Amino acid sequence: MASTAVSPAPGTRPAASPPTRRRRPLRRFAPASVSEAARRSAYAFLALPLGLIGIVLTLGGSSSRAARLQLAAARRFLDPHTGGGRHRGAVTDRGAAPGAVRVLRHAVLDTALGVPMLILAAYAYGNTIRNLTYPIWYGDTDYHDAWGGPSLAGVWAVHAIGGLAFLAVCLCLIQGLTTLRAAGARRTFRTESPA
């Protein structure tokens, strides 16, 4: 039997459907604010040293100290609720640390992802600063054949816009990589809930 659509009576408005929430699948890859981009970028610079320090501390028998260091960094730069009261049995700064194997795994993953994050962040910020200060670096050279030439103002404008666009793309990539690390930190610093 075919279903029929019921139209509203003449002179009345159709019933309003409940508001739907628009899905933003790319939201996790774009920083929500400048401060979030700065925090995530700082973590991109610190992940490699933090991972190496965590490995050394854990292998040296100080897994609780490594866990406190990693937890503090995750809270400060990634997610303030990591290891907090959002889930039952969560780790606190003075609470029981996760096992040495979990802390070591977290440190190894920080080290492994820290290398590309550090390279990406260093290149993104270095390239952007160099492009924004184009007249300082290349002002006395022949820039007539450069992009935006033949005037220095046009060359600087093209390089500044290109540098900022490149920085925006790199910040989205850093956001994606640090989102992976935030999820890893939430898994590492959560103890099993009692049954």
Protein backbone atom coordinates (compact mmCIF):
# COMPACT_ATOMS: atom_id res chain seq x y z
CA MET A 1 0.00 0.00 0.00
CA ALA A 2 1.46 3.35 -1.01
CA SER A 3 1.82 6.03 1.63
CA THR A 4 0.27 9.39 0.95
CA ALA A 5 1.59 12.72 2.11
CA VAL A 6 -0.83 14.77 4.15
CA SER A 7 -0.81 18.44 3.23
CA PRO A 8 -1.76 21.09 5.78
CA ALA A 9 -5.19 22.64 5.67
CA PRO A 10 -5.48 25.79 3.56
CA GLY A 11 -4.47 28.90 5.47
CA THR A 12 -2.36 27.04 8.04
CA ARG A 13 1.36 26.56 8.25
CA PRO A 14 2.92 23.15 8.09
CA ALA A 15 4.06 21.75 11.40
CA ALA A 16 7.61 22.79 12.11
CA SER A 17 10.01 19.94 12.29
CA PRO A 18 12.29 19.84 15.29
CA PRO A 19 15.53 21.72 14.72
CA THR A 20 18.24 19.46 13.46
CA ARG A 21 21.84 19.86 14.45
CA ARG A 22 24.12 20.34 11.51
CA ARG A 23 26.91 17.84 11.44
CA ARG A 24 30.37 19.23 11.02
CA PRO A 25 32.61 16.28 10.20
CA LEU A 26 35.64 18.49 9.62
CA ARG A 27 35.24 20.19 13.00
CA ARG A 28 37.74 17.92 14.68
CA PHE A 29 40.40 19.11 12.23
CA ALA A 30 39.90 22.85 12.67
CA PRO A 31 40.89 24.66 15.87
CA ALA A 32 37.92 26.32 17.54
CA SER A 33 39.90 29.40 18.56
CA VAL A 34 43.30 31.02 18.36
CA SER A 35 44.07 29.96 21.93
CA GLU A 36 43.26 26.34 21.11
CA ALA A 37 45.51 26.50 18.05
CA ALA A 38 48.30 27.95 20.21
CA ARG A 39 47.88 25.24 22.89
CA ARG A 40 47.83 22.45 20.31
CA SER A 41 50.87 23.93 18.56
CA ALA A 42 52.73 24.11 21.87
CA TYR A 43 51.95 20.43 22.42
CA ALA A 44 53.24 19.68 18.91
CA PHE A 45 56.56 21.24 19.91
CA LEU A 46 56.64 19.45 23.29
CA ALA A 47 55.37 15.96 22.41
CA LEU A 48 58.74 14.56 21.32
CA PRO A 49 60.69 15.71 24.41
CA LEU A 50 57.80 14.66 26.69
CA GLY A 51 57.72 11.23 25.09
CA LEU A 52 61.46 10.75 25.46
CA ILE A 53 61.40 11.90 29.09
CA GLY A 54 58.46 9.57 29.74
CA ILE A 55 60.31 6.61 28.23
CA VAL A 56 63.45 7.31 30.30
CA LEU A 57 61.47 7.79 33.54
CA THR A 58 59.35 4.67 33.00
CA LEU A 59 62.30 2.46 32.13
CA GLY A 60 64.12 3.92 35.15
CA GLY A 61 61.34 2.75 37.48
CA SER A 62 59.54 6.09 37.92
CA SER A 63 56.39 5.36 35.95
CA SER A 64 54.25 7.34 38.41
CA ARG A 65 56.41 10.42 37.88
CA ALA A 66 56.20 9.96 34.09
CA ALA A 67 52.43 9.54 34.37
CA ARG A 68 52.09 12.80 36.36
CA LEU A 69 54.18 14.65 33.79
CA GLN A 70 52.21 13.26 30.85
CA LEU A 71 48.89 13.88 32.59
CA ALA A 72 49.83 17.50 33.36
CA ALA A 73 50.83 18.10 29.72
CA ALA A 74 47.64 16.48 28.41
CA ARG A 75 45.49 18.60 30.71
CA ARG A 76 47.34 21.81 29.95
CA PHE A 77 47.63 21.53 26.18
CA LEU A 78 45.07 19.00 24.94
CA ASP A 79 42.00 18.51 27.12
CA PRO A 80 41.48 19.94 30.61
CA HIS A 81 39.21 17.00 31.50
CA THR A 82 41.80 14.31 30.80
CA GLY A 83 41.97 12.03 33.78
CA GLY A 84 39.48 14.23 35.62
CA GLY A 85 36.10 13.54 37.07
CA ARG A 86 34.35 12.93 33.76
CA HIS A 87 34.48 9.18 34.24
CA ARG A 88 34.32 6.99 37.28
CA GLY A 89 37.62 5.82 38.65
CA ALA A 90 39.64 8.42 36.73
CA VAL A 91 43.21 9.22 37.62
CA THR A 92 43.98 12.42 39.46
CA ASP A 93 47.33 14.13 39.99
CA ARG A 94 47.71 12.50 43.40
CA GLY A 95 45.72 9.35 42.63
CA ALA A 96 46.94 5.99 41.51
CA ALA A 97 48.89 6.12 38.27
CA PRO A 98 48.19 3.68 35.45
CA GLY A 99 50.49 0.73 35.08
CA ALA A 100 54.02 1.13 33.77
CA VAL A 101 53.12 -0.59 30.50
CA ARG A 102 50.32 1.90 29.77
CA VAL A 103 52.54 4.86 30.67
CA LEU A 104 55.34 3.49 28.48
CA ARG A 105 52.93 2.93 25.57
CA HIS A 106 51.69 6.50 25.89
CA ALA A 107 55.27 7.83 25.94
CA VAL A 108 56.26 5.75 22.89
CA LEU A 109 53.23 7.01 20.94
CA ASP A 110 54.03 10.58 21.99
CA THR A 111 57.56 10.08 20.68
CA ALA A 112 56.39 8.47 17.43
CA LEU A 113 53.83 11.17 16.66
CA GLY A 114 56.05 13.86 18.16
CA VAL A 115 58.50 13.67 15.27
CA PRO A 116 56.04 14.58 12.48
CA MET A 117 54.23 17.07 14.74
CA LEU A 118 57.49 18.84 15.57
CA ILE A 119 58.58 18.97 11.92
CA LEU A 120 55.16 20.19 10.80
CA ALA A 121 54.88 22.87 13.48
CA ALA A 122 58.45 24.11 13.04
CA TYR A 123 58.10 24.33 9.27
CA ALA A 124 54.65 25.94 9.42
CA TYR A 125 55.63 28.69 11.84
CA GLY A 126 59.08 29.22 10.31
CA ASN A 127 57.68 29.45 6.79
CA THR A 128 54.92 31.83 7.87
CA ILE A 129 57.32 34.15 9.69
CA ARG A 130 59.64 34.16 6.68
CA ASN A 131 56.78 34.95 4.28
CA LEU A 132 55.36 37.70 6.50
CA THR A 133 58.78 39.32 6.72
CA TYR A 134 59.54 38.93 3.01
CA PRO A 135 60.91 42.48 2.54
CA ILE A 136 63.50 41.92 5.28
CA TRP A 137 64.86 38.75 3.68
CA TYR A 138 64.54 39.57 0.00
CA GLY A 139 64.03 43.35 -0.19
CA ASP A 140 67.40 44.04 -1.80
CA THR A 141 67.16 41.25 -4.40
CA ASP A 142 65.60 41.26 -7.84
CA TYR A 143 61.99 40.41 -7.03
CA HIS A 144 60.54 41.41 -10.42
CA ASP A 145 60.07 37.77 -11.42
CA ALA A 146 58.75 36.67 -8.02
CA TRP A 147 55.09 35.89 -7.45
CA GLY A 148 53.17 39.13 -7.15
CA GLY A 149 55.90 41.17 -8.86
CA PRO A 150 57.06 43.52 -10.20
CA SER A 151 56.42 45.70 -7.10
CA LEU A 152 57.72 44.79 -3.66
CA ALA A 153 54.29 45.42 -2.14
CA GLY A 154 52.67 42.93 -4.52
CA VAL A 155 55.35 40.32 -3.85
CA TRP A 156 54.99 40.78 -0.09
CA ALA A 157 51.18 40.59 -0.25
CA VAL A 158 51.20 37.35 -2.27
CA HIS A 159 53.78 35.74 0.01
CA ALA A 160 51.99 36.89 3.18
CA ILE A 161 48.62 35.55 2.02
CA GLY A 162 50.20 32.29 0.87
CA GLY A 163 52.09 31.91 4.15
CA LEU A 164 48.94 32.47 6.23
CA ALA A 165 46.97 30.00 4.09
CA PHE A 166 49.74 27.42 4.52
CA LEU A 167 49.72 28.04 8.29
CA ALA A 168 45.95 27.46 8.41
CA VAL A 169 46.32 24.10 6.65
CA CYS A 170 49.17 23.09 8.96
CA LEU A 171 47.17 24.09 12.05
CA CYS A 172 44.36 21.80 10.88
CA LEU A 173 46.84 18.93 10.49
CA ILE A 174 48.28 19.64 13.93
CA GLN A 175 44.74 19.70 15.34
CA GLY A 176 44.07 16.25 13.87
CA LEU A 177 47.30 14.75 15.22
CA THR A 178 46.85 16.23 18.69
CA THR A 179 43.24 15.03 18.75
CA LEU A 180 44.64 11.52 18.36
CA ARG A 181 46.98 12.14 21.28
CA ALA A 182 44.15 13.57 23.40
CA ALA A 183 42.14 10.39 22.84
CA GLY A 184 45.20 8.32 23.74
CA ALA A 185 45.71 10.33 26.93
CA ARG A 186 42.08 9.84 27.95
CA ARG A 187 42.48 6.08 27.49
CA THR A 188 45.81 5.95 29.30
CA PHE A 189 44.88 8.00 32.33
CA ARG A 190 41.54 6.36 33.04
CA THR A 191 41.50 3.48 35.45
CA GLU A 192 39.02 0.69 35.05
CA SER A 193 35.68 1.45 36.64
CA PRO A 194 34.74 -0.91 39.43
CA ALA A 195 31.96 -3.30 38.52
